[in-house]
Amino acid sequence: MNSYIVIALSALFVALAVASPVELNEDQKALAKQHGEQCAAELKLTEEEVAKVKAKDFKNPTENIKCFANCFFEKVGTLKDGELQEDVVLEKLGAFIGEEKTKEALAKCRSIKGENKCETAVKLHTCFEEFKPVKA
């Protein structure tokens, strides 16, 4: 499984820098990969679903992919029982994009809710993706 899965939340969702690409250190990459593999196994993602997650394709996600996002974000601490953990987001994301940009992302995304915690996770991911770094 690609170690960059959903980095945009934990780097929230989790590659969320605005000015420059997020660079994870080797420990962070290994942990992201571990979380991704655990969630994929727990949810028994199909090969097609794994391919979509690797490609960061969250358009029209299956319920499994939605729940993968929730699982991943819960493992990194940015979501708990479908609730955004703003202090964790500020700490983890702030280290990559700065406190002010993280507060801007939180202001825009914090009120987003889905019909269940899995849908909430994907909707939050989509919102935070807007704060993803632009690659040079």
N, C-alpha and C. Protein backbone atom coordinates (compact mmCIF):
# COMPACT_ATOMS: atom_id res chain seq x y z
N MET A 1 0.86 -1.17 0.00
CA MET A 1 0.00 0.00 0.00
C MET A 1 0.90 1.23 0.00
N ASN A 2 0.54 2.20 -0.77
CA ASN A 2 1.31 3.44 -0.91
C ASN A 2 1.40 4.16 0.41
N SER A 3 2.57 4.52 0.83
CA SER A 3 2.75 5.17 2.13
C SER A 3 2.24 6.60 2.14
N TYR A 4 1.87 7.11 1.00
CA TYR A 4 1.36 8.48 0.95
C TYR A 4 -0.15 8.54 0.99
N ILE A 5 -0.80 7.38 1.32
CA ILE A 5 -2.26 7.34 1.35
C ILE A 5 -2.77 8.38 2.33
N VAL A 6 -3.56 9.22 1.84
CA VAL A 6 -4.28 10.18 2.65
C VAL A 6 -3.39 10.96 3.60
N ILE A 7 -2.29 11.34 3.17
CA ILE A 7 -1.37 12.10 4.01
C ILE A 7 -2.01 13.43 4.36
N ALA A 8 -2.99 13.78 3.59
CA ALA A 8 -3.62 15.06 3.80
C ALA A 8 -4.30 15.25 5.13
N LEU A 9 -4.35 14.33 5.98
CA LEU A 9 -4.89 14.62 7.31
C LEU A 9 -3.87 14.46 8.37
N SER A 10 -3.01 13.66 8.17
CA SER A 10 -2.06 13.49 9.26
C SER A 10 -0.73 13.96 8.80
N ALA A 11 -0.71 14.31 7.99
CA ALA A 11 0.68 14.57 7.84
C ALA A 11 1.05 14.67 8.34
N LEU A 12 -4.16 16.48 8.26
CA LEU A 12 -5.46 15.95 8.09
C LEU A 12 -5.50 15.73 6.64
N PHE A 13 -5.49 14.73 6.54
CA PHE A 13 -5.72 14.04 5.32
C PHE A 13 -4.52 14.24 4.48
N VAL A 14 -4.68 12.39 5.13
CA VAL A 14 -4.08 12.98 5.51
C VAL A 14 -3.38 13.36 4.65
N ALA A 15 -1.07 15.47 2.79
CA ALA A 15 -0.39 16.46 2.00
C ALA A 15 -1.22 17.73 2.01
N LEU A 16 -1.09 18.44 3.04
CA LEU A 16 -1.91 19.63 3.18
C LEU A 16 -1.10 20.92 3.29
N ALA A 17 0.01 21.02 2.71
CA ALA A 17 0.72 22.29 2.75
C ALA A 17 0.27 23.16 1.59
N VAL A 18 0.35 24.45 1.74
CA VAL A 18 -0.14 25.33 0.70
C VAL A 18 1.01 25.83 -0.17
N ALA A 19 2.07 26.20 0.42
CA ALA A 19 3.16 26.80 -0.35
C ALA A 19 4.11 25.77 -0.94
N SER A 20 4.33 24.68 -0.22
CA SER A 20 5.29 23.70 -0.71
C SER A 20 4.79 22.29 -0.41
N PRO A 21 5.25 21.29 -1.16
CA PRO A 21 4.81 19.92 -0.92
C PRO A 21 5.20 19.44 0.47
N VAL A 22 4.34 18.60 1.04
CA VAL A 22 4.61 18.04 2.36
C VAL A 22 5.65 16.95 2.22
N GLU A 23 6.63 17.01 3.04
CA GLU A 23 7.66 15.97 3.06
C GLU A 23 7.60 15.27 4.39
N LEU A 24 7.30 13.99 4.37
CA LEU A 24 7.27 13.20 5.59
C LEU A 24 8.65 12.59 5.80
N ASN A 25 9.00 12.46 7.08
CA ASN A 25 10.25 11.77 7.35
C ASN A 25 10.01 10.26 7.24
N GLU A 26 11.04 9.48 7.30
CA GLU A 26 10.92 8.03 7.10
C GLU A 26 10.02 7.38 8.14
N ASP A 27 10.09 7.82 9.40
CA ASP A 27 9.22 7.27 10.44
C ASP A 27 7.76 7.57 10.16
N GLN A 28 7.46 8.78 9.71
CA GLN A 28 6.09 9.16 9.38
C GLN A 28 5.57 8.36 8.19
N LYS A 29 6.42 8.17 7.20
CA LYS A 29 6.03 7.36 6.04
C LYS A 29 5.73 5.93 6.46
N ALA A 30 6.58 5.37 7.29
CA ALA A 30 6.39 3.98 7.75
C ALA A 30 5.11 3.85 8.55
N LEU A 31 4.83 4.83 9.40
CA LEU A 31 3.63 4.79 10.21
C LEU A 31 2.38 4.95 9.34
N ALA A 32 2.42 5.85 8.37
CA ALA A 32 1.29 6.03 7.45
C ALA A 32 1.04 4.73 6.68
N LYS A 33 2.09 4.10 6.23
CA LYS A 33 1.97 2.84 5.50
C LYS A 33 1.36 1.76 6.39
N GLN A 34 1.83 1.68 7.62
CA GLN A 34 1.32 0.70 8.58
C GLN A 34 -0.17 0.91 8.83
N HIS A 35 -0.56 2.15 9.08
CA HIS A 35 -1.97 2.46 9.30
C HIS A 35 -2.80 2.10 8.08
N GLY A 36 -2.33 2.45 6.91
CA GLY A 36 -3.05 2.15 5.68
C GLY A 36 -3.22 0.66 5.47
N GLU A 37 -2.17 -0.10 5.70
CA GLU A 37 -2.24 -1.55 5.53
C GLU A 37 -3.19 -2.17 6.55
N GLN A 38 -3.14 -1.70 7.80
CA GLN A 38 -4.03 -2.22 8.84
C GLN A 38 -5.49 -1.96 8.48
N CYS A 39 -5.79 -0.75 8.06
CA CYS A 39 -7.16 -0.39 7.71
C CYS A 39 -7.64 -1.17 6.49
N ALA A 40 -6.80 -1.31 5.49
CA ALA A 40 -7.18 -2.07 4.29
C ALA A 40 -7.48 -3.51 4.65
N ALA A 41 -6.68 -4.09 5.53
CA ALA A 41 -6.89 -5.48 5.95
C ALA A 41 -8.17 -5.61 6.79
N GLU A 42 -8.35 -4.70 7.74
CA GLU A 42 -9.53 -4.73 8.60
C GLU A 42 -10.81 -4.63 7.78
N LEU A 43 -10.81 -3.81 6.76
CA LEU A 43 -12.00 -3.58 5.95
C LEU A 43 -12.10 -4.51 4.75
N LYS A 44 -11.06 -5.32 4.54
CA LYS A 44 -11.02 -6.25 3.42
C LYS A 44 -11.29 -5.53 2.09
N LEU A 45 -10.50 -4.47 1.85
CA LEU A 45 -10.64 -3.74 0.60
C LEU A 45 -10.36 -4.65 -0.58
N THR A 46 -11.13 -4.46 -1.64
CA THR A 46 -10.88 -5.21 -2.87
C THR A 46 -9.66 -4.63 -3.57
N GLU A 47 -9.16 -5.33 -4.56
CA GLU A 47 -8.02 -4.81 -5.33
C GLU A 47 -8.37 -3.48 -5.99
N GLU A 48 -9.61 -3.38 -6.47
CA GLU A 48 -10.05 -2.14 -7.12
C GLU A 48 -10.08 -0.99 -6.10
N GLU A 49 -10.56 -1.28 -4.90
CA GLU A 49 -10.61 -0.25 -3.86
C GLU A 49 -9.21 0.17 -3.44
N VAL A 50 -8.31 -0.77 -3.31
CA VAL A 50 -6.91 -0.46 -2.97
C VAL A 50 -6.32 0.43 -4.05
N ALA A 51 -6.59 0.11 -5.31
CA ALA A 51 -6.06 0.91 -6.42
C ALA A 51 -6.60 2.34 -6.36
N LYS A 52 -7.90 2.50 -6.04
CA LYS A 52 -8.48 3.84 -5.94
C LYS A 52 -7.84 4.62 -4.79
N VAL A 53 -7.63 3.96 -3.66
CA VAL A 53 -7.02 4.63 -2.50
C VAL A 53 -5.59 5.04 -2.85
N LYS A 54 -4.84 4.14 -3.46
CA LYS A 54 -3.45 4.46 -3.85
C LYS A 54 -3.40 5.66 -4.79
N ALA A 55 -4.42 5.73 -5.67
CA ALA A 55 -4.47 6.83 -6.64
C ALA A 55 -5.10 8.09 -6.03
N LYS A 56 -5.46 8.02 -4.74
CA LYS A 56 -6.13 9.13 -4.04
C LYS A 56 -7.40 9.53 -4.77
N ASP A 57 -8.09 8.53 -5.32
CA ASP A 57 -9.33 8.74 -6.05
C ASP A 57 -10.50 8.53 -5.09
N PHE A 58 -11.00 9.61 -4.53
CA PHE A 58 -12.11 9.53 -3.58
C PHE A 58 -13.41 10.04 -4.21
N LYS A 59 -13.47 10.07 -5.52
CA LYS A 59 -14.71 10.42 -6.21
C LYS A 59 -15.58 9.17 -6.23
N ASN A 60 -16.85 9.31 -5.87
CA ASN A 60 -17.77 8.18 -5.82
C ASN A 60 -17.19 6.99 -5.05
N PRO A 61 -16.76 7.22 -3.81
CA PRO A 61 -16.13 6.13 -3.05
C PRO A 61 -17.14 5.07 -2.61
N THR A 62 -16.68 3.84 -2.54
CA THR A 62 -17.49 2.75 -1.99
C THR A 62 -17.58 2.98 -0.48
N GLU A 63 -18.50 2.27 0.16
CA GLU A 63 -18.60 2.37 1.62
C GLU A 63 -17.29 1.94 2.27
N ASN A 64 -16.63 0.92 1.70
CA ASN A 64 -15.34 0.47 2.23
C ASN A 64 -14.29 1.58 2.16
N ILE A 65 -14.25 2.31 1.07
CA ILE A 65 -13.26 3.40 0.94
C ILE A 65 -13.58 4.51 1.94
N LYS A 66 -14.87 4.81 2.12
CA LYS A 66 -15.25 5.81 3.11
C LYS A 66 -14.78 5.37 4.49
N CYS A 67 -15.00 4.09 4.80
CA CYS A 67 -14.62 3.59 6.12
C CYS A 67 -13.10 3.46 6.24
N PHE A 68 -12.41 3.27 5.11
CA PHE A 68 -10.94 3.28 5.14
C PHE A 68 -10.45 4.65 5.60
N ALA A 69 -11.04 5.71 5.03
CA ALA A 69 -10.64 7.07 5.42
C ALA A 69 -10.86 7.27 6.90
N ASN A 70 -12.02 6.84 7.40
CA ASN A 70 -12.31 6.98 8.82
C ASN A 70 -11.31 6.20 9.66
N CYS A 71 -11.05 4.97 9.28
CA CYS A 71 -10.10 4.13 10.02
C CYS A 71 -8.72 4.79 10.08
N PHE A 72 -8.26 5.24 8.93
CA PHE A 72 -6.94 5.87 8.86
C PHE A 72 -6.86 7.10 9.76
N PHE A 73 -7.87 7.95 9.67
CA PHE A 73 -7.85 9.18 10.45
C PHE A 73 -8.00 8.92 11.94
N GLU A 74 -8.73 7.86 12.29
CA GLU A 74 -8.81 7.50 13.70
C GLU A 74 -7.46 7.00 14.20
N LYS A 75 -6.76 6.23 13.40
CA LYS A 75 -5.44 5.71 13.80
C LYS A 75 -4.43 6.84 13.99
N VAL A 76 -4.52 7.88 13.17
CA VAL A 76 -3.58 8.99 13.32
C VAL A 76 -4.06 10.01 14.35
N GLY A 77 -5.31 9.84 14.81
CA GLY A 77 -5.80 10.69 15.89
C GLY A 77 -6.55 11.93 15.48
N THR A 78 -6.75 12.13 14.19
CA THR A 78 -7.41 13.35 13.74
C THR A 78 -8.93 13.24 13.78
N LEU A 79 -9.45 12.03 13.86
CA LEU A 79 -10.88 11.79 14.05
C LEU A 79 -11.05 10.80 15.19
N LYS A 80 -12.14 11.00 15.94
CA LYS A 80 -12.49 10.06 17.00
C LYS A 80 -14.00 9.96 17.02
N ASP A 81 -14.52 8.77 16.76
CA ASP A 81 -15.97 8.55 16.71
C ASP A 81 -16.67 9.55 15.80
N GLY A 82 -16.06 9.84 14.67
CA GLY A 82 -16.66 10.74 13.69
C GLY A 82 -16.51 12.22 14.01
N GLU A 83 -15.78 12.54 15.06
CA GLU A 83 -15.58 13.94 15.45
C GLU A 83 -14.14 14.37 15.17
N LEU A 84 -14.00 15.50 14.53
CA LEU A 84 -12.69 16.06 14.23
C LEU A 84 -11.99 16.44 15.53
N GLN A 85 -10.77 16.02 15.69
CA GLN A 85 -9.97 16.34 16.86
C GLN A 85 -9.07 17.54 16.51
N GLU A 86 -9.62 18.72 16.72
CA GLU A 86 -8.97 19.94 16.23
C GLU A 86 -7.58 20.15 16.81
N ASP A 87 -7.39 19.81 18.09
CA ASP A 87 -6.07 20.00 18.69
C ASP A 87 -5.03 19.11 18.00
N VAL A 88 -5.42 17.90 17.64
CA VAL A 88 -4.49 16.98 16.96
C VAL A 88 -4.22 17.48 15.54
N VAL A 89 -5.28 17.93 14.87
CA VAL A 89 -5.10 18.47 13.52
C VAL A 89 -4.16 19.67 13.55
N LEU A 90 -4.38 20.56 14.51
CA LEU A 90 -3.55 21.76 14.61
C LEU A 90 -2.08 21.39 14.85
N GLU A 91 -1.88 20.41 15.71
CA GLU A 91 -0.51 19.98 16.00
C GLU A 91 0.15 19.32 14.80
N LYS A 92 -0.54 18.33 14.22
CA LYS A 92 0.07 17.55 13.13
C LYS A 92 0.14 18.33 11.82
N LEU A 93 -0.96 18.92 11.44
CA LEU A 93 -0.99 19.66 10.19
C LEU A 93 -0.23 20.98 10.30
N GLY A 94 -0.33 21.60 11.45
CA GLY A 94 0.38 22.86 11.67
C GLY A 94 1.88 22.74 11.47
N ALA A 95 2.41 21.57 11.78
CA ALA A 95 3.84 21.34 11.60
C ALA A 95 4.24 21.39 10.13
N PHE A 96 3.27 21.15 9.25
CA PHE A 96 3.56 21.13 7.81
C PHE A 96 3.20 22.42 7.10
N ILE A 97 2.03 22.97 7.43
CA ILE A 97 1.58 24.14 6.67
C ILE A 97 1.52 25.41 7.50
N GLY A 98 1.83 25.30 8.77
CA GLY A 98 1.80 26.46 9.64
C GLY A 98 0.47 26.60 10.36
N GLU A 99 0.52 27.22 11.51
CA GLU A 99 -0.65 27.35 12.37
C GLU A 99 -1.77 28.14 11.71
N GLU A 100 -1.45 29.24 11.08
CA GLU A 100 -2.49 30.08 10.48
C GLU A 100 -3.23 29.37 9.35
N LYS A 101 -2.51 28.71 8.47
CA LYS A 101 -3.13 27.99 7.36
C LYS A 101 -3.96 26.82 7.89
N THR A 102 -3.48 26.18 8.94
CA THR A 102 -4.23 25.08 9.54
C THR A 102 -5.52 25.62 10.17
N LYS A 103 -5.46 26.75 10.82
CA LYS A 103 -6.67 27.35 11.40
C LYS A 103 -7.65 27.72 10.29
N GLU A 104 -7.16 28.18 9.17
CA GLU A 104 -8.02 28.50 8.02
C GLU A 104 -8.71 27.23 7.51
N ALA A 105 -7.96 26.14 7.41
CA ALA A 105 -8.53 24.86 6.98
C ALA A 105 -9.58 24.38 7.97
N LEU A 106 -9.28 24.47 9.24
CA LEU A 106 -10.23 24.06 10.27
C LEU A 106 -11.49 24.91 10.23
N ALA A 107 -11.34 26.20 10.05
CA ALA A 107 -12.50 27.09 9.99
C ALA A 107 -13.43 26.69 8.86
N LYS A 108 -12.87 26.31 7.74
CA LYS A 108 -13.68 25.92 6.59
C LYS A 108 -14.27 24.51 6.75
N CYS A 109 -13.54 23.59 7.33
CA CYS A 109 -13.91 22.17 7.31
C CYS A 109 -14.55 21.64 8.59
N ARG A 110 -14.39 22.31 9.71
CA ARG A 110 -14.80 21.74 11.00
C ARG A 110 -16.27 21.37 11.11
N SER A 111 -17.16 22.04 10.43
CA SER A 111 -18.59 21.77 10.59
C SER A 111 -19.12 20.70 9.64
N ILE A 112 -18.26 20.12 8.85
CA ILE A 112 -18.69 19.12 7.86
C ILE A 112 -19.06 17.82 8.56
N LYS A 113 -20.23 17.32 8.21
CA LYS A 113 -20.71 16.05 8.75
C LYS A 113 -21.36 15.26 7.63
N GLY A 114 -21.20 13.95 7.71
CA GLY A 114 -21.87 13.05 6.79
C GLY A 114 -22.96 12.31 7.53
N GLU A 115 -23.58 11.35 6.83
CA GLU A 115 -24.64 10.56 7.43
C GLU A 115 -24.10 9.60 8.49
N ASN A 116 -22.83 9.27 8.41
CA ASN A 116 -22.18 8.40 9.40
C ASN A 116 -20.71 8.80 9.47
N LYS A 117 -19.96 8.18 10.37
CA LYS A 117 -18.56 8.59 10.55
C LYS A 117 -17.70 8.31 9.33
N CYS A 118 -18.03 7.28 8.56
CA CYS A 118 -17.25 6.98 7.35
C CYS A 118 -17.45 8.06 6.29
N GLU A 119 -18.70 8.47 6.11
CA GLU A 119 -18.99 9.53 5.14
C GLU A 119 -18.39 10.86 5.61
N THR A 120 -18.44 11.11 6.91
CA THR A 120 -17.83 12.33 7.45
C THR A 120 -16.34 12.37 7.12
N ALA A 121 -15.66 11.24 7.27
CA ALA A 121 -14.22 11.19 7.01
C ALA A 121 -13.90 11.56 5.57
N VAL A 122 -14.66 11.02 4.61
CA VAL A 122 -14.40 11.32 3.20
C VAL A 122 -14.72 12.78 2.90
N LYS A 123 -15.81 13.29 3.46
CA LYS A 123 -16.16 14.70 3.23
C LYS A 123 -15.09 15.62 3.80
N LEU A 124 -14.57 15.29 4.98
CA LEU A 124 -13.50 16.10 5.56
C LEU A 124 -12.24 16.02 4.70
N HIS A 125 -11.95 14.83 4.23
CA HIS A 125 -10.78 14.66 3.35
C HIS A 125 -10.89 15.58 2.14
N THR A 126 -12.07 15.58 1.52
CA THR A 126 -12.29 16.41 0.34
C THR A 126 -12.08 17.89 0.68
N CYS A 127 -12.60 18.32 1.81
CA CYS A 127 -12.45 19.71 2.22
C CYS A 127 -10.97 20.06 2.45
N PHE A 128 -10.28 19.23 3.20
CA PHE A 128 -8.88 19.51 3.50
C PHE A 128 -7.98 19.41 2.27
N GLU A 129 -8.41 18.65 1.28
CA GLU A 129 -7.62 18.55 0.04
C GLU A 129 -7.44 19.91 -0.63
N GLU A 130 -8.39 20.83 -0.39
CA GLU A 130 -8.26 22.15 -0.97
C GLU A 130 -7.03 22.90 -0.45
N PHE A 131 -6.48 22.44 0.65
CA PHE A 131 -5.33 23.09 1.27
C PHE A 131 -4.04 22.33 0.96
N LYS A 132 -4.14 21.39 0.05
CA LYS A 132 -3.00 20.56 -0.35
C LYS A 132 -1.96 21.43 -1.07
N PRO A 133 -0.70 21.09 -0.92
CA PRO A 133 0.33 21.87 -1.57
C PRO A 133 0.28 21.75 -3.09
N VAL A 134 0.70 22.79 -3.74
CA VAL A 134 0.82 22.78 -5.19
C VAL A 134 2.23 22.33 -5.51
N LYS A 135 2.31 21.28 -6.30
CA LYS A 135 3.66 20.76 -6.65
C LYS A 135 4.32 21.67 -7.67
N ALA A 136 5.58 21.87 -7.46
CA ALA A 136 6.34 22.76 -8.35
C ALA A 136 6.63 22.11 -9.66
